[in-house]
C-alpha atoms as a PDB file:
ATOM      1  CA  MET A   1     -53.251  -9.094  -2.628  1.00  0.00           C
ATOM      2  CA  ARG A   2     -53.434  -6.238  -0.243  1.00  0.00           C
ATOM      3  CA  LEU A   3     -57.049  -5.554  -0.977  1.00  0.00           C
ATOM      4  CA  GLN A   4     -57.797  -9.103  -0.442  1.00  0.00           C
ATOM      5  CA  SER A   5     -56.196  -9.038   2.997  1.00  0.00           C
ATOM      6  CA  MET A   6     -58.221  -5.965   3.859  1.00  0.00           C
ATOM      7  CA  LEU A   7     -61.441  -7.720   2.599  1.00  0.00           C
ATOM      8  CA  PHE A   8     -60.480 -10.786   4.739  1.00  0.00           C
ATOM      9  CA  GLY A   9     -59.719  -8.447   7.860  1.00  0.00           C
ATOM     10  CA  LEU A  10     -63.075  -6.716   7.434  1.00  0.00           C
ATOM     11  CA  ILE A  11     -65.019 -10.060   7.247  1.00  0.00           C
ATOM     12  CA  VAL A  12     -63.205 -11.273  10.402  1.00  0.00           C
ATOM     13  CA  LEU A  13     -63.966  -8.101  12.253  1.00  0.00           C
ATOM     14  CA  GLY A  14     -67.625  -8.219  11.084  1.00  0.00           C
ATOM     15  CA  LEU A  15     -67.895 -11.887  12.338  1.00  0.00           C
ATOM     16  CA  SER A  16     -66.431 -11.060  15.774  1.00  0.00           C
ATOM     17  CA  GLN A  17     -68.587  -8.066  16.224  1.00  0.00           C
ATOM     18  CA  GLY A  18     -71.634 -10.110  15.242  1.00  0.00           C
ATOM     19  CA  ALA A  19     -70.523 -12.846  17.914  1.00  0.00           C
ATOM     20  CA  LEU A  20     -70.069 -10.135  20.295  1.00  0.00           C
ATOM     21  CA  ALA A  21     -73.519  -8.601  19.634  1.00  0.00           C
ATOM     22  CA  GLN A  22     -74.993 -12.079  20.470  1.00  0.00           C
ATOM     23  CA  GLN A  23     -73.331 -12.058  23.989  1.00  0.00           C
ATOM     24  CA  PRO A  24     -75.710 -11.646  26.692  1.00  0.00           C
ATOM     25  CA  VAL A  25     -75.586  -8.298  28.744  1.00  0.00           C
ATOM     26  CA  VAL A  26     -74.489  -9.499  32.242  1.00  0.00           C
ATOM     27  CA  ILE A  27     -75.964  -8.075  35.367  1.00  0.00           C
ATOM     28  CA  LYS A  28     -74.065  -8.726  38.722  1.00  0.00           C
ATOM     29  CA  PHE A  29     -76.615  -8.535  41.355  1.00  0.00           C
ATOM     30  CA  SER A  30     -74.702  -8.432  44.730  1.00  0.00           C
ATOM     31  CA  HIS A  31     -76.570  -8.714  48.251  1.00  0.00           C
ATOM     32  CA  VAL A  32     -75.376  -9.451  51.776  1.00  0.00           C
ATOM     33  CA  VAL A  33     -78.011 -11.963  53.000  1.00  0.00           C
ATOM     34  CA  ALA A  34     -78.801 -15.724  52.373  1.00  0.00           C
ATOM     35  CA  THR A  35     -80.514 -17.008  49.429  1.00  0.00           C
ATOM     36  CA  GLU A  36     -83.457 -18.465  51.368  1.00  0.00           C
ATOM     37  CA  THR A  37     -84.247 -14.856  52.832  1.00  0.00           C
ATOM     38  CA  PRO A  38     -87.163 -12.986  51.352  1.00  0.00           C
ATOM     39  CA  LYS A  39     -84.749 -10.583  49.652  1.00  0.00           C
ATOM     40  CA  GLY A  40     -82.482 -13.652  48.386  1.00  0.00           C
ATOM     41  CA  LYS A  41     -85.447 -15.477  47.016  1.00  0.00           C
ATOM     42  CA  ALA A  42     -86.744 -12.073  45.215  1.00  0.00           C
ATOM     43  CA  ALA A  43     -83.372 -11.697  43.663  1.00  0.00           C
ATOM     44  CA  GLU A  44     -83.414 -15.194  42.313  1.00  0.00           C
ATOM     45  CA  PHE A  45     -87.054 -14.475  41.153  1.00  0.00           C
ATOM     46  CA  PHE A  46     -85.633 -11.409  39.106  1.00  0.00           C
ATOM     47  CA  ARG A  47     -82.967 -13.385  37.707  1.00  0.00           C
ATOM     48  CA  LYS A  48     -85.161 -15.940  36.363  1.00  0.00           C
ATOM     49  CA  ARG A  49     -87.850 -13.499  34.904  1.00  0.00           C
ATOM     50  CA  ALA A  50     -85.140 -11.041  33.421  1.00  0.00           C
ATOM     51  CA  GLU A  51     -83.667 -14.007  31.519  1.00  0.00           C
ATOM     52  CA  GLU A  52     -86.909 -15.341  30.257  1.00  0.00           C
ATOM     53  CA  LEU A  53     -88.572 -11.872  29.396  1.00  0.00           C
ATOM     54  CA  THR A  54     -85.372 -10.868  27.408  1.00  0.00           C
ATOM     55  CA  GLY A  55     -85.089 -14.161  25.549  1.00  0.00           C
ATOM     56  CA  GLY A  56     -81.644 -14.629  26.939  1.00  0.00           C
ATOM     57  CA  LYS A  57     -80.364 -11.200  25.984  1.00  0.00           C
ATOM     58  CA  VAL A  58     -79.629 -10.750  29.685  1.00  0.00           C
ATOM     59  CA  LYS A  59     -77.842 -12.914  32.135  1.00  0.00           C
ATOM     60  CA  VAL A  60     -78.241 -12.036  35.923  1.00  0.00           C
ATOM     61  CA  GLU A  61     -75.446 -13.217  38.117  1.00  0.00           C
ATOM     62  CA  VAL A  62     -76.743 -13.196  41.904  1.00  0.00           C
ATOM     63  CA  TYR A  63     -73.986 -13.271  44.549  1.00  0.00           C
ATOM     64  CA  PRO A  64     -75.561 -13.393  47.987  1.00  0.00           C
ATOM     65  CA  ASN A  65     -74.245 -13.498  51.425  1.00  0.00           C
ATOM     66  CA  SER A  66     -71.638 -10.713  50.778  1.00  0.00           C
ATOM     67  CA  GLN A  67     -69.660 -12.944  48.512  1.00  0.00           C
ATOM     68  CA  LEU A  68     -68.617 -10.081  46.401  1.00  0.00           C
ATOM     69  CA  TYR A  69     -68.869  -7.047  48.865  1.00  0.00           C
ATOM     70  CA  LYS A  70     -69.783  -6.271  52.356  1.00  0.00           C
ATOM     71  CA  ASP A  71     -72.288  -3.792  53.484  1.00  0.00           C
ATOM     72  CA  LYS A  72     -69.945  -0.841  53.562  1.00  0.00           C
ATOM     73  CA  GLU A  73     -68.249  -1.764  50.191  1.00  0.00           C
ATOM     74  CA  GLU A  74     -71.105  -2.534  47.917  1.00  0.00           C
ATOM     75  CA  MET A  75     -72.446   1.078  47.270  1.00  0.00           C
ATOM     76  CA  GLU A  76     -69.024   2.242  46.001  1.00  0.00           C
ATOM     77  CA  ALA A  77     -68.778  -0.995  43.939  1.00  0.00           C
ATOM     78  CA  LEU A  78     -71.921   0.022  42.233  1.00  0.00           C
ATOM     79  CA  GLN A  79     -70.944   3.446  41.688  1.00  0.00           C
ATOM     80  CA  LEU A  80     -67.762   2.343  40.102  1.00  0.00           C
ATOM     81  CA  GLY A  81     -69.685  -0.205  37.933  1.00  0.00           C
ATOM     82  CA  ALA A  82     -67.944  -3.250  39.501  1.00  0.00           C
ATOM     83  CA  VAL A  83     -71.487  -4.598  39.910  1.00  0.00           C
ATOM     84  CA  GLN A  84     -74.701  -3.446  38.338  1.00  0.00           C
ATOM     85  CA  MET A  85     -77.408  -4.109  40.906  1.00  0.00           C
ATOM     86  CA  LEU A  86     -77.903  -4.072  44.761  1.00  0.00           C
ATOM     87  CA  ALA A  87     -80.814  -4.132  47.241  1.00  0.00           C
ATOM     88  CA  PRO A  88     -79.392  -2.230  50.199  1.00  0.00           C
ATOM     89  CA  SER A  89     -81.480  -1.492  53.515  1.00  0.00           C
ATOM     90  CA  LEU A  90     -83.157   1.923  53.342  1.00  0.00           C
ATOM     91  CA  ALA A  91     -80.723   3.119  56.303  1.00  0.00           C
ATOM     92  CA  LYS A  92     -77.717   2.719  54.066  1.00  0.00           C
ATOM     93  CA  PHE A  93     -78.374   5.782  51.872  1.00  0.00           C
ATOM     94  CA  GLY A  94     -77.697   8.538  54.592  1.00  0.00           C
ATOM     95  CA  PRO A  95     -73.879   8.355  53.989  1.00  0.00           C
ATOM     96  CA  LEU A  96     -74.313   8.620  50.401  1.00  0.00           C
ATOM     97  CA  GLY A  97     -76.184  12.095  50.957  1.00  0.00           C
ATOM     98  CA  VAL A  98     -79.677  10.979  50.191  1.00  0.00           C
ATOM     99  CA  LYS A  99     -81.179  11.299  53.523  1.00  0.00           C
ATOM    100  CA  GLU A 100     -84.724  11.444  52.213  1.00  0.00           C
ATOM    101  CA  LEU A 101     -84.599   7.629  52.344  1.00  0.00           C
ATOM    102  CA  GLU A 102     -84.241   7.813  55.954  1.00  0.00           C
ATOM    103  CA  VAL A 103     -87.739   8.720  56.413  1.00  0.00           C
ATOM    104  CA  PHE A 104     -88.517   5.052  56.233  1.00  0.00           C
ATOM    105  CA  ASP A 105     -86.598   4.395  59.573  1.00  0.00           C
ATOM    106  CA  LEU A 106     -88.893   6.934  61.350  1.00  0.00           C
ATOM    107  CA  PRO A 107     -90.990   4.982  64.071  1.00  0.00           C
ATOM    108  CA  PHE A 108     -94.604   4.744  63.489  1.00  0.00           C
ATOM    109  CA  ILE A 109     -94.540   6.665  60.127  1.00  0.00           C
ATOM    110  CA  PHE A 110     -96.711   3.721  58.749  1.00  0.00           C
ATOM    111  CA  ASP A 111     -99.295   1.927  60.636  1.00  0.00           C
ATOM    112  CA  ASN A 112     -99.695  -0.979  58.122  1.00  0.00           C
ATOM    113  CA  TYR A 113     -98.650  -2.276  54.772  1.00  0.00           C
ATOM    114  CA  ALA A 114    -101.704  -0.442  52.996  1.00  0.00           C
ATOM    115  CA  GLU A 115    -100.128   2.875  54.087  1.00  0.00           C
ATOM    116  CA  LEU A 116     -96.703   1.948  53.310  1.00  0.00           C
ATOM    117  CA  HIS A 117     -97.320   0.760  49.881  1.00  0.00           C
ATOM    118  CA  ARG A 118     -99.393   3.789  49.138  1.00  0.00           C
ATOM    119  CA  VAL A 119     -95.941   5.747  49.471  1.00  0.00           C
ATOM    120  CA  THR A 120     -93.384   3.090  48.204  1.00  0.00           C
ATOM    121  CA  GLN A 121     -95.467   2.230  45.070  1.00  0.00           C
ATOM    122  CA  GLY A 122     -96.867   5.761  44.431  1.00  0.00           C
ATOM    123  CA  PRO A 123     -95.463   9.185  43.375  1.00  0.00           C
ATOM    124  CA  ILE A 124     -93.675   9.880  46.773  1.00  0.00           C
ATOM    125  CA  GLY A 125     -91.764   6.836  46.604  1.00  0.00           C
ATOM    126  CA  ALA A 126     -90.772   7.433  42.784  1.00  0.00           C
ATOM    127  CA  GLY A 127     -89.739  10.988  43.885  1.00  0.00           C
ATOM    128  CA  ILE A 128     -87.506   9.840  46.580  1.00  0.00           C
ATOM    129  CA  LEU A 129     -85.668   7.302  44.402  1.00  0.00           C
ATOM    130  CA  LYS A 130     -85.273  10.065  41.798  1.00  0.00           C
ATOM    131  CA  LYS A 131     -82.896  11.765  44.154  1.00  0.00           C
ATOM    132  CA  LEU A 132     -80.388   9.053  43.639  1.00  0.00           C
ATOM    133  CA  GLU A 133     -79.710   9.941  40.001  1.00  0.00           C
ATOM    134  CA  PRO A 134     -77.204  12.548  40.637  1.00  0.00           C
ATOM    135  CA  LYS A 135     -75.132  10.006  42.569  1.00  0.00           C
ATOM    136  CA  GLY A 136     -75.005   7.810  39.417  1.00  0.00           C
ATOM    137  CA  ILE A 137     -77.790   5.266  40.582  1.00  0.00           C
ATOM    138  CA  VAL A 138     -81.226   4.617  39.350  1.00  0.00           C
ATOM    139  CA  GLY A 139     -83.662   3.351  41.807  1.00  0.00           C
ATOM    140  CA  LEU A 140     -85.833   0.647  40.543  1.00  0.00           C
ATOM    141  CA  ALA A 141     -88.275  -0.456  43.412  1.00  0.00           C
ATOM    142  CA  PHE A 142     -88.714  -0.838  46.950  1.00  0.00           C
ATOM    143  CA  TRP A 143     -88.883  -4.377  48.453  1.00  0.00           C
ATOM    144  CA  ASP A 144     -90.218  -5.125  51.793  1.00  0.00           C
ATOM    145  CA  ASN A 145     -88.681  -7.126  54.692  1.00  0.00           C
ATOM    146  CA  GLY A 146     -91.252  -6.153  57.454  1.00  0.00           C
ATOM    147  CA  PHE A 147     -92.260  -4.260  60.444  1.00  0.00           C
ATOM    148  CA  LYS A 148     -90.081  -4.546  63.435  1.00  0.00           C
ATOM    149  CA  SER A 149     -90.763  -5.646  67.185  1.00  0.00           C
ATOM    150  CA  PHE A 150     -88.804  -5.167  70.149  1.00  0.00           C
ATOM    151  CA  SER A 151     -86.888  -8.174  72.250  1.00  0.00           C
ATOM    152  CA  ALA A 152     -84.996  -8.411  75.324  1.00  0.00           C
ATOM    153  CA  ASN A 153     -84.693 -10.743  78.284  1.00  0.00           C
ATOM    154  CA  THR A 154     -86.976  -8.862  80.493  1.00  0.00           C
ATOM    155  CA  PRO A 155     -90.866  -8.129  79.742  1.00  0.00           C
ATOM    156  CA  ILE A 156     -91.722  -5.425  77.465  1.00  0.00           C
ATOM    157  CA  LYS A 157     -95.240  -3.856  77.859  1.00  0.00           C
ATOM    158  CA  VAL A 158     -94.620  -0.067  78.129  1.00  0.00           C
ATOM    159  CA  PRO A 159     -91.935   2.097  76.870  1.00  0.00           C
ATOM    160  CA  ALA A 160     -90.367   2.426  80.484  1.00  0.00           C
ATOM    161  CA  ASP A 161     -89.396  -1.167  80.315  1.00  0.00           C
ATOM    162  CA  LEU A 162     -86.658  -0.414  77.653  1.00  0.00           C
ATOM    163  CA  LYS A 163     -85.209   2.307  79.667  1.00  0.00           C
ATOM    164  CA  GLY A 164     -81.554   1.901  80.380  1.00  0.00           C
ATOM    165  CA  LYS A 165     -81.354  -1.262  78.038  1.00  0.00           C
ATOM    166  CA  LYS A 166     -78.549  -1.491  75.531  1.00  0.00           C
ATOM    167  CA  LEU A 167     -80.389  -2.210  72.261  1.00  0.00           C
ATOM    168  CA  ARG A 168     -78.483  -3.295  68.987  1.00  0.00           C
ATOM    169  CA  ILE A 169     -79.442  -1.227  65.841  1.00  0.00           C
ATOM    170  CA  GLN A 170     -78.084  -1.033  62.401  1.00  0.00           C
ATOM    171  CA  SER A 171     -76.093   2.197  61.629  1.00  0.00           C
ATOM    172  CA  SER A 172     -78.740   4.883  61.335  1.00  0.00           C
ATOM    173  CA  LYS A 173     -78.963   8.497  63.142  1.00  0.00           C
ATOM    174  CA  VAL A 174     -82.781   8.119  63.060  1.00  0.00           C
ATOM    175  CA  LEU A 175     -82.562   4.765  64.906  1.00  0.00           C
ATOM    176  CA  GLU A 176     -80.117   6.201  67.461  1.00  0.00           C
ATOM    177  CA  GLU A 177     -82.569   8.935  68.178  1.00  0.00           C
ATOM    178  CA  GLN A 178     -85.537   6.469  68.380  1.00  0.00           C
ATOM    179  CA  MET A 179     -83.693   4.393  70.992  1.00  0.00           C
ATOM    180  CA  GLN A 180     -82.761   7.517  73.020  1.00  0.00           C
ATOM    181  CA  ALA A 181     -86.374   8.687  73.112  1.00  0.00           C
ATOM    182  CA  LEU A 182     -87.109   5.348  75.062  1.00  0.00           C
ATOM    183  CA  GLY A 183     -84.383   6.057  77.271  1.00  0.00           C
ATOM    184  CA  ALA A 184     -82.480   3.115  75.881  1.00  0.00           C
ATOM    185  CA  LEU A 185     -78.826   2.940  74.944  1.00  0.00           C
ATOM    186  CA  PRO A 186     -78.539   2.262  71.102  1.00  0.00           C
ATOM    187  CA  GLN A 187     -75.494   0.125  70.166  1.00  0.00           C
ATOM    188  CA  VAL A 188     -74.505   0.115  66.420  1.00  0.00           C
ATOM    189  CA  MET A 189     -73.535  -3.227  65.383  1.00  0.00           C
ATOM    190  CA  ALA A 190     -73.265  -5.351  62.294  1.00  0.00           C
ATOM    191  CA  PHE A 191     -76.309  -7.739  61.811  1.00  0.00           C
ATOM    192  CA  SER A 192     -73.995 -10.823  61.597  1.00  0.00           C
ATOM    193  CA  GLU A 193     -72.719  -9.834  65.142  1.00  0.00           C
ATOM    194  CA  ALA A 194     -76.093  -9.419  66.793  1.00  0.00           C
ATOM    195  CA  TYR A 195     -76.831 -13.091  67.763  1.00  0.00           C
ATOM    196  CA  GLN A 196     -73.367 -13.410  69.730  1.00  0.00           C
ATOM    197  CA  ALA A 197     -73.834 -10.029  71.315  1.00  0.00           C
ATOM    198  CA  LEU A 198     -77.501 -11.046  72.605  1.00  0.00           C
ATOM    199  CA  GLN A 199     -76.226 -14.468  73.710  1.00  0.00           C
ATOM    200  CA  THR A 200     -73.001 -13.012  75.640  1.00  0.00           C
ATOM    201  CA  GLY A 201     -75.167 -10.051  77.175  1.00  0.00           C
ATOM    202  CA  VAL A 202     -73.096  -7.512  75.335  1.00  0.00           C
ATOM    203  CA  VAL A 203     -76.451  -6.003  74.355  1.00  0.00           C
ATOM    204  CA  ASP A 204     -79.839  -6.522  76.148  1.00  0.00           C
ATOM    205  CA  GLY A 205     -82.234  -6.595  73.152  1.00  0.00           C
ATOM    206  CA  THR A 206     -82.922  -5.447  69.723  1.00  0.00           C
ATOM    207  CA  GLU A 207     -85.569  -4.674  67.047  1.00  0.00           C
ATOM    208  CA  ASN A 208     -86.263  -6.999  64.149  1.00  0.00           C
ATOM    209  CA  PRO A 209     -88.862  -8.099  61.773  1.00  0.00           C
ATOM    210  CA  HIS A 210     -89.905 -11.697  62.783  1.00  0.00           C
ATOM    211  CA  SER A 211     -88.350 -13.261  59.963  1.00  0.00           C
ATOM    212  CA  ASN A 212     -84.882 -11.804  60.859  1.00  0.00           C
ATOM    213  CA  MET A 213     -85.309 -12.797  64.377  1.00  0.00           C
ATOM    214  CA  TYR A 214     -86.174 -16.317  63.655  1.00  0.00           C
ATOM    215  CA  SER A 215     -83.764 -17.081  60.839  1.00  0.00           C
ATOM    216  CA  GLN A 216     -80.801 -15.819  62.945  1.00  0.00           C
ATOM    217  CA  LYS A 217     -82.277 -17.720  65.904  1.00  0.00           C
ATOM    218  CA  MET A 218     -82.348 -14.739  68.077  1.00  0.00           C
ATOM    219  CA  HIS A 219     -85.358 -15.982  69.741  1.00  0.00           C
ATOM    220  CA  GLU A 220     -83.277 -18.641  71.459  1.00  0.00           C
ATOM    221  CA  VAL A 221     -81.289 -16.077  73.218  1.00  0.00           C
ATOM    222  CA  GLN A 222     -84.361 -13.479  73.866  1.00  0.00           C
ATOM    223  CA  LYS A 223     -86.953 -14.300  76.459  1.00  0.00           C
ATOM    224  CA  TYR A 224     -89.302 -11.849  75.616  1.00  0.00           C
ATOM    225  CA  MET A 225     -90.546  -9.956  72.484  1.00  0.00           C
ATOM    226  CA  ALA A 226     -93.361  -7.228  72.202  1.00  0.00           C
ATOM    227  CA  LEU A 227     -95.301  -7.120  68.914  1.00  0.00           C
ATOM    228  CA  THR A 228     -94.921  -3.354  68.593  1.00  0.00           C
ATOM    229  CA  GLU A 229     -94.410  -3.331  64.917  1.00  0.00           C
ATOM    230  CA  HIS A 230     -93.186   0.269  65.465  1.00  0.00           C
ATOM    231  CA  GLY A 231     -90.873   0.496  62.413  1.00  0.00           C
ATOM    232  CA  TYR A 232     -90.465  -0.651  59.041  1.00  0.00           C
ATOM    233  CA  LEU A 233     -87.293  -2.466  57.458  1.00  0.00           C
ATOM    234  CA  GLY A 234     -87.119  -2.620  53.772  1.00  0.00           C
ATOM    235  CA  TYR A 235     -84.711  -2.349  50.693  1.00  0.00           C
ATOM    236  CA  ALA A 236     -84.126  -0.121  47.632  1.00  0.00           C
ATOM    237  CA  VAL A 237     -83.406  -2.003  44.561  1.00  0.00           C
ATOM    238  CA  ILE A 238     -80.947   0.024  42.636  1.00  0.00           C
ATOM    239  CA  VAL A 239     -78.737  -0.062  39.384  1.00  0.00           C
ATOM    240  CA  ASN A 240     -75.700   1.814  38.120  1.00  0.00           C
ATOM    241  CA  ARG A 241     -77.191   4.659  36.012  1.00  0.00           C
ATOM    242  CA  LYS A 242     -74.629   4.636  33.305  1.00  0.00           C
ATOM    243  CA  PHE A 243     -75.189   0.953  32.703  1.00  0.00           C
ATOM    244  CA  TRP A 244     -79.000   1.183  32.849  1.00  0.00           C
ATOM    245  CA  ASP A 245     -79.226   4.235  30.565  1.00  0.00           C
ATOM    246  CA  GLY A 246     -76.825   2.278  28.066  1.00  0.00           C
ATOM    247  CA  LEU A 247     -79.227  -0.520  27.668  1.00  0.00           C
ATOM    248  CA  PRO A 248     -81.317  -0.973  24.454  1.00  0.00           C
ATOM    249  CA  ALA A 249     -84.733   0.578  25.156  1.00  0.00           C
ATOM    250  CA  ASP A 250     -86.606  -2.765  24.573  1.00  0.00           C
ATOM    251  CA  VAL A 251     -84.372  -4.585  27.065  1.00  0.00           C
ATOM    252  CA  ARG A 252     -84.698  -1.839  29.680  1.00  0.00           C
ATOM    253  CA  GLY A 253     -88.437  -2.097  29.282  1.00  0.00           C
ATOM    254  CA  GLN A 254     -88.307  -5.855  29.573  1.00  0.00           C
ATOM    255  CA  LEU A 255     -86.259  -5.763  32.853  1.00  0.00           C
ATOM    256  CA  GLU A 256     -88.697  -3.172  34.137  1.00  0.00           C
ATOM    257  CA  VAL A 257     -91.442  -5.687  33.732  1.00  0.00           C
ATOM    258  CA  ALA A 258     -89.250  -8.237  35.549  1.00  0.00           C
ATOM    259  CA  MET A 259     -88.592  -5.976  38.321  1.00  0.00           C
ATOM    260  CA  LYS A 260     -92.383  -5.034  38.646  1.00  0.00           C
ATOM    261  CA  GLU A 261     -93.171  -8.828  38.923  1.00  0.00           C
ATOM    262  CA  SER A 262     -90.222  -9.498  41.243  1.00  0.00           C
ATOM    263  CA  THR A 263     -91.503  -6.607  43.741  1.00  0.00           C
ATOM    264  CA  ALA A 264     -95.026  -8.131  43.994  1.00  0.00           C
ATOM    265  CA  TYR A 265     -93.311 -11.576  44.660  1.00  0.00           C
ATOM    266  CA  ALA A 266     -91.006 -10.024  47.103  1.00  0.00           C
ATOM    267  CA  ASN A 267     -93.420  -8.172  48.984  1.00  0.00           C
ATOM    268  CA  ARG A 268     -95.851 -11.105  49.144  1.00  0.00           C
ATOM    269  CA  ILE A 269     -93.345 -13.628  50.486  1.00  0.00           C
ATOM    270  CA  ALA A 270     -91.844 -11.013  52.991  1.00  0.00           C
ATOM    271  CA  LYS A 271     -95.336 -10.889  54.606  1.00  0.00           C
ATOM    272  CA  GLU A 272     -95.837 -14.602  54.433  1.00  0.00           C
ATOM    273  CA  GLU A 273     -92.421 -15.492  56.058  1.00  0.00           C
ATOM    274  CA  ASN A 274     -92.976 -12.921  58.579  1.00  0.00           C
ATOM    275  CA  ASP A 275     -96.147 -14.442  59.681  1.00  0.00           C
ATOM    276  CA  ALA A 276     -94.716 -18.055  59.586  1.00  0.00           C
ATOM    277  CA  SER A 277     -91.591 -16.973  61.464  1.00  0.00           C
ATOM    278  CA  LEU A 278     -93.847 -15.362  64.388  1.00  0.00           C
ATOM    279  CA  GLU A 279     -95.758 -18.730  64.587  1.00  0.00           C
ATOM    280  CA  ASN A 280     -92.337 -20.568  64.720  1.00  0.00           C
ATOM    281  CA  ILE A 281     -91.143 -18.363  67.417  1.00  0.00           C
ATOM    282  CA  ARG A 282     -94.413 -18.991  69.426  1.00  0.00           C
ATOM    283  CA  LYS A 283     -94.144 -22.743  68.912  1.00  0.00           C
ATOM    284  CA  SER A 284     -90.610 -22.783  70.067  1.00  0.00           C
ATOM    285  CA  GLY A 285     -91.562 -21.769  73.460  1.00  0.00           C
ATOM    286  CA  LYS A 286     -88.336 -20.005  74.035  1.00  0.00           C
ATOM    287  CA  THR A 287     -89.847 -16.574  73.693  1.00  0.00           C
ATOM    288  CA  GLN A 288     -92.728 -15.290  75.320  1.00  0.00           C
ATOM    289  CA  ILE A 289     -94.607 -12.907  72.819  1.00  0.00           C
ATOM    290  CA  TYR A 290     -96.493 -10.132  74.233  1.00  0.00           C
ATOM    291  CA  VAL A 291     -99.307  -8.161  72.254  1.00  0.00           C
ATOM    292  CA  PRO A 292     -99.549  -4.696  73.520  1.00  0.00           C
ATOM    293  CA  THR A 293    -102.978  -3.520  74.288  1.00  0.00           C
ATOM    294  CA  PRO A 294    -104.307  -0.389  72.117  1.00  0.00           C
ATOM    295  CA  GLU A 295    -103.418   1.859  75.125  1.00  0.00           C
ATOM    296  CA  GLU A 296    -100.015   0.272  75.598  1.00  0.00           C
ATOM    297  CA  ARG A 297     -99.266   0.606  71.592  1.00  0.00           C
ATOM    298  CA  LEU A 298    -100.402   4.262  71.822  1.00  0.00           C
ATOM    299  CA  ALA A 299     -97.897   4.955  74.764  1.00  0.00           C
ATOM    300  CA  PHE A 300     -95.125   3.750  72.589  1.00  0.00           C
ATOM    301  CA  LYS A 301     -96.357   5.845  69.626  1.00  0.00           C
ATOM    302  CA  LYS A 302     -96.564   9.069  71.914  1.00  0.00           C
ATOM    303  CA  ALA A 303     -92.937   8.290  72.978  1.00  0.00           C
ATOM    304  CA  LEU A 304     -91.610   7.795  69.571  1.00  0.00           C
ATOM    305  CA  VAL A 305     -93.503  10.011  67.313  1.00  0.00           C
ATOM    306  CA  PRO A 306     -91.522  13.249  68.526  1.00  0.00           C
ATOM    307  CA  VAL A 307     -88.389  11.580  66.837  1.00  0.00           C
ATOM    308  CA  HIS A 308     -90.142  12.719  63.425  1.00  0.00           C
ATOM    309  CA  GLN A 309     -89.852  16.491  64.285  1.00  0.00           C
ATOM    310  CA  LYS A 310     -86.226  15.892  65.596  1.00  0.00           C
ATOM    311  CA  MET A 311     -85.161  14.501  62.360  1.00  0.00           C
ATOM    312  CA  GLU A 312     -86.946  17.178  59.970  1.00  0.00           C
ATOM    313  CA  SER A 313     -83.578  19.096  59.391  1.00  0.00           C
ATOM    314  CA  ARG A 314     -81.976  15.745  58.433  1.00  0.00           C
ATOM    315  CA  ILE A 315     -84.475  13.961  56.414  1.00  0.00           C
ATOM    316  CA  GLY A 316     -86.461  17.044  55.222  1.00  0.00           C
ATOM    317  CA  ALA A 317     -89.590  18.614  56.531  1.00  0.00           C
ATOM    318  CA  GLN A 318     -91.440  18.317  53.158  1.00  0.00           C
ATOM    319  CA  THR A 319     -90.734  14.775  52.727  1.00  0.00           C
ATOM    320  CA  ILE A 320     -92.301  13.846  56.143  1.00  0.00           C
ATOM    321  CA  ALA A 321     -95.253  16.227  55.261  1.00  0.00           C
ATOM    322  CA  ASP A 322     -95.844  14.602  52.088  1.00  0.00           C
ATOM    323  CA  ILE A 323     -96.174  11.178  53.880  1.00  0.00           C
ATOM    324  CA  TYR A 324     -98.442  12.486  56.588  1.00  0.00           C
ATOM    325  CA  LYS A 325    -100.714  13.604  53.888  1.00  0.00           C
ATOM    326  CA  GLU A 326    -100.774  10.454  51.873  1.00  0.00           C
ATOM    327  CA  THR A 327    -101.436   8.417  55.053  1.00  0.00           C
ATOM    328  CA  ALA A 328    -103.685  10.886  56.675  1.00  0.00           C
ATOM    329  CA  PHE A 329    -101.538  10.900  59.704  1.00  0.00           C
ATOM    330  CA  ASP A 330    -101.781  13.811  62.180  1.00  0.00           C
ATOM    331  CA  PRO A 331     -99.216  13.731  64.990  1.00  0.00           C
ATOM    332  CA  SER A 332    -101.013  16.459  67.164  1.00  0.00           C
ATOM    333  CA  LYS A 333    -103.989  14.199  67.488  1.00  0.00           C
ATOM    334  CA  LEU A 334    -101.877  11.565  69.710  1.00  0.00           C
END
């Protein structure tokens, strides 16, 4: 009788373990923007492809709009394993101690997407992401948002036009230094608070990719925008290392394919949406869009490139030099 009970127990245990084995692996993917933004759409694209490529072995739950965690909370949540995947902006990694990622905040470090992608999709980008691993994080990819332009309620043609202006920035030592190099007054502020601050005059202007400016209706409270495209805004898609390393090798490989496809999609729609948003801002007639002449853009470049040297001790001189070599940029020739 006792033997029968033991056998029965083993059969039940085996059945329950088999049922558990068939349960899909859940990836909670948390982010802080709306579903219809480029990042939000890319997260949904990854969800779909991950589930398709793994044959349902993985279930991705996407939580947009800070439904689970706000900007300042999500990194800790990932490290603790409360969520498995995030896509924070690159400025968010300084407080984590991985200041090399702040290189992407440097003004005019990239002149175009071709230069940018040689870094983000090449060995330099992979090497920078590798520095996250001692923090319990695996960096999977870089996703674009776009290149930023300045806006204000007074015309912007040359660097001196921003002198004394209170300009909203996200929290970043590099961006603080950038604004100070222009003689502007950097105002660190949450993205969600920027529209009201611009509307009420708490700040005079800001910098944004066109899709951010349009989707947040900032063009309705900013009379002028200069297409300086002086800086890049992007994201790093990251995953909890313990979780990632614990996945079966075949599943991890399928997720890597899903991420590669999602990155191509993310970067394509980011470019498309920025172009469309710029056209919508122009059509609205509420913001005058100014295209700086080559000489005027060079003046911005000369004013801002010295920030690179000032940030060497923070970001790492070698990281900056590696990007210069990859993009053939020589600041001494400005």
